[in-house]
C-alpha atoms as a PDB file:
ATOM      1  CA  UNK A   1     122.662  76.750  81.675  1.00  0.00           C
ATOM      2  CA  UNK A   2     125.098  76.784  78.713  1.00  0.00           C
ATOM      3  CA  UNK A   3     124.086  75.160  75.561  1.00  0.00           C
ATOM      4  CA  UNK A   4     126.892  72.774  74.751  1.00  0.00           C
ATOM      5  CA  UNK A   5     125.839  72.423  71.002  1.00  0.00           C
ATOM      6  CA  UNK A   6     128.573  74.587  70.015  1.00  0.00           C
ATOM      7  CA  UNK A   7     131.034  73.257  71.978  1.00  0.00           C
ATOM      8  CA  UNK A   8     134.140  71.961  71.241  1.00  0.00           C
ATOM      9  CA  UNK A   9     138.117  71.467  71.316  1.00  0.00           C
ATOM     10  CA  UNK A  10     141.063  73.842  70.199  1.00  0.00           C
ATOM     11  CA  UNK A  11     143.067  70.477  69.187  1.00  0.00           C
ATOM     12  CA  UNK A  12     139.208  70.730  66.525  1.00  0.00           C
ATOM     13  CA  UNK A  13     138.916  74.433  65.868  1.00  0.00           C
ATOM     14  CA  UNK A  14     140.308  76.235  63.159  1.00  0.00           C
ATOM     15  CA  UNK A  15     140.993  79.849  65.212  1.00  0.00           C
ATOM     16  CA  UNK A  16     143.525  76.944  67.081  1.00  0.00           C
ATOM     17  CA  UNK A  17     147.243  78.898  66.205  1.00  0.00           C
ATOM     18  CA  UNK A  18     150.185  76.355  66.318  1.00  0.00           C
ATOM     19  CA  UNK A  19     153.076  76.460  65.960  1.00  0.00           C
ATOM     20  CA  UNK A  20     154.198  75.728  62.186  1.00  0.00           C
ATOM     21  CA  UNK A  21     155.988  72.076  63.035  1.00  0.00           C
ATOM     22  CA  UNK A  22     153.653  71.908  66.269  1.00  0.00           C
ATOM     23  CA  UNK A  23     152.507  67.759  66.667  1.00  0.00           C
ATOM     24  CA  UNK A  24     148.643  68.639  66.654  1.00  0.00           C
ATOM     25  CA  UNK A  25     148.570  66.583  70.752  1.00  0.00           C
ATOM     26  CA  UNK A  26     146.150  67.551  74.210  1.00  0.00           C
ATOM     27  CA  UNK A  27     149.097  69.110  75.583  1.00  0.00           C
ATOM     28  CA  UNK A  28     149.878  71.792  72.236  1.00  0.00           C
ATOM     29  CA  UNK A  29     150.524  74.808  73.125  1.00  0.00           C
ATOM     30  CA  UNK A  30     148.364  77.794  71.363  1.00  0.00           C
ATOM     31  CA  UNK A  31     146.690  80.475  69.697  1.00  0.00           C
ATOM     32  CA  UNK A  32     142.977  80.849  69.922  1.00  0.00           C
ATOM     33  CA  UNK A  33     142.678  83.318  67.336  1.00  0.00           C
ATOM     34  CA  UNK A  34     138.659  83.273  66.990  1.00  0.00           C
ATOM     35  CA  UNK A  35     138.728  87.543  66.362  1.00  0.00           C
ATOM     36  CA  UNK A  36     136.243  88.115  69.510  1.00  0.00           C
ATOM     37  CA  UNK A  37     139.287  86.809  72.136  1.00  0.00           C
ATOM     38  CA  UNK A  38     142.699  88.311  70.127  1.00  0.00           C
ATOM     39  CA  UNK A  39     143.002  90.905  72.286  1.00  0.00           C
ATOM     40  CA  UNK A  40     143.569  88.836  75.027  1.00  0.00           C
ATOM     41  CA  UNK A  41     146.564  86.701  73.069  1.00  0.00           C
ATOM     42  CA  UNK A  42     145.156  83.080  74.353  1.00  0.00           C
ATOM     43  CA  UNK A  43     147.691  80.732  74.665  1.00  0.00           C
ATOM     44  CA  UNK A  44     145.631  77.356  75.413  1.00  0.00           C
ATOM     45  CA  UNK A  45     146.367  73.641  74.518  1.00  0.00           C
ATOM     46  CA  UNK A  46     144.712  70.707  72.252  1.00  0.00           C
ATOM     47  CA  UNK A  47     142.651  69.972  74.917  1.00  0.00           C
ATOM     48  CA  UNK A  48     140.825  73.387  75.953  1.00  0.00           C
ATOM     49  CA  UNK A  49     137.397  74.227  74.387  1.00  0.00           C
ATOM     50  CA  UNK A  50     134.379  76.743  73.949  1.00  0.00           C
ATOM     51  CA  UNK A  51     131.421  78.094  72.932  1.00  0.00           C
ATOM     52  CA  UNK A  52     132.702  79.806  69.637  1.00  0.00           C
ATOM     53  CA  UNK A  53     134.761  76.754  68.541  1.00  0.00           C
ATOM     54  CA  UNK A  54     134.449  75.729  64.614  1.00  0.00           C
ATOM     55  CA  UNK A  55     135.588  72.932  62.819  1.00  0.00           C
ATOM     56  CA  UNK A  56     138.520  72.479  61.531  1.00  0.00           C
ATOM     57  CA  UNK A  57     142.724  72.489  60.821  1.00  0.00           C
ATOM     58  CA  UNK A  58     144.298  74.451  63.206  1.00  0.00           C
ATOM     59  CA  UNK A  59     146.811  77.342  61.848  1.00  0.00           C
ATOM     60  CA  UNK A  60     150.004  77.367  62.163  1.00  0.00           C
ATOM     61  CA  UNK A  61     152.529  80.071  62.638  1.00  0.00           C
ATOM     62  CA  UNK A  62     156.363  81.336  63.976  1.00  0.00           C
ATOM     63  CA  UNK A  63     155.537  82.499  67.909  1.00  0.00           C
ATOM     64  CA  UNK A  64     152.202  80.642  68.171  1.00  0.00           C
ATOM     65  CA  UNK A  65     153.460  78.803  70.997  1.00  0.00           C
ATOM     66  CA  UNK A  66     155.178  81.451  72.462  1.00  0.00           C
ATOM     67  CA  UNK A  67     154.512  82.514  76.200  1.00  0.00           C
ATOM     68  CA  UNK A  68     153.343  84.930  75.141  1.00  0.00           C
ATOM     69  CA  UNK A  69     151.848  84.666  72.120  1.00  0.00           C
ATOM     70  CA  UNK A  70     154.110  86.896  69.774  1.00  0.00           C
ATOM     71  CA  UNK A  71     152.075  85.330  66.076  1.00  0.00           C
ATOM     72  CA  UNK A  72     149.852  87.338  64.767  1.00  0.00           C
ATOM     73  CA  UNK A  73     146.370  85.459  63.563  1.00  0.00           C
ATOM     74  CA  UNK A  74     147.238  83.560  59.948  1.00  0.00           C
ATOM     75  CA  UNK A  75     143.216  83.285  59.240  1.00  0.00           C
END
C-alpha cells in the first residue's frame, strides 16, 4: 500500500509549471518539473497528483502547456 501522507494535487504543487498567463484551474495543462520526472516531459493537469508533491505556487514559463511541452524547467 502506498503512503499517501505526501500525496497531493498538481494545482497546489511547486513542481507544476504552467503558461505565464494560464489560470490555475483543475483542467489547466502544464509540465511537471520535479527533477525525477523532467526526462519524461510529463504533461499534467491541475487535478493530477502524485507522491512527489511539494506544497507551493506553480512555476510559469511559455511552452509549459504545449503538447508535448517545449518549456525548460524554471526552478
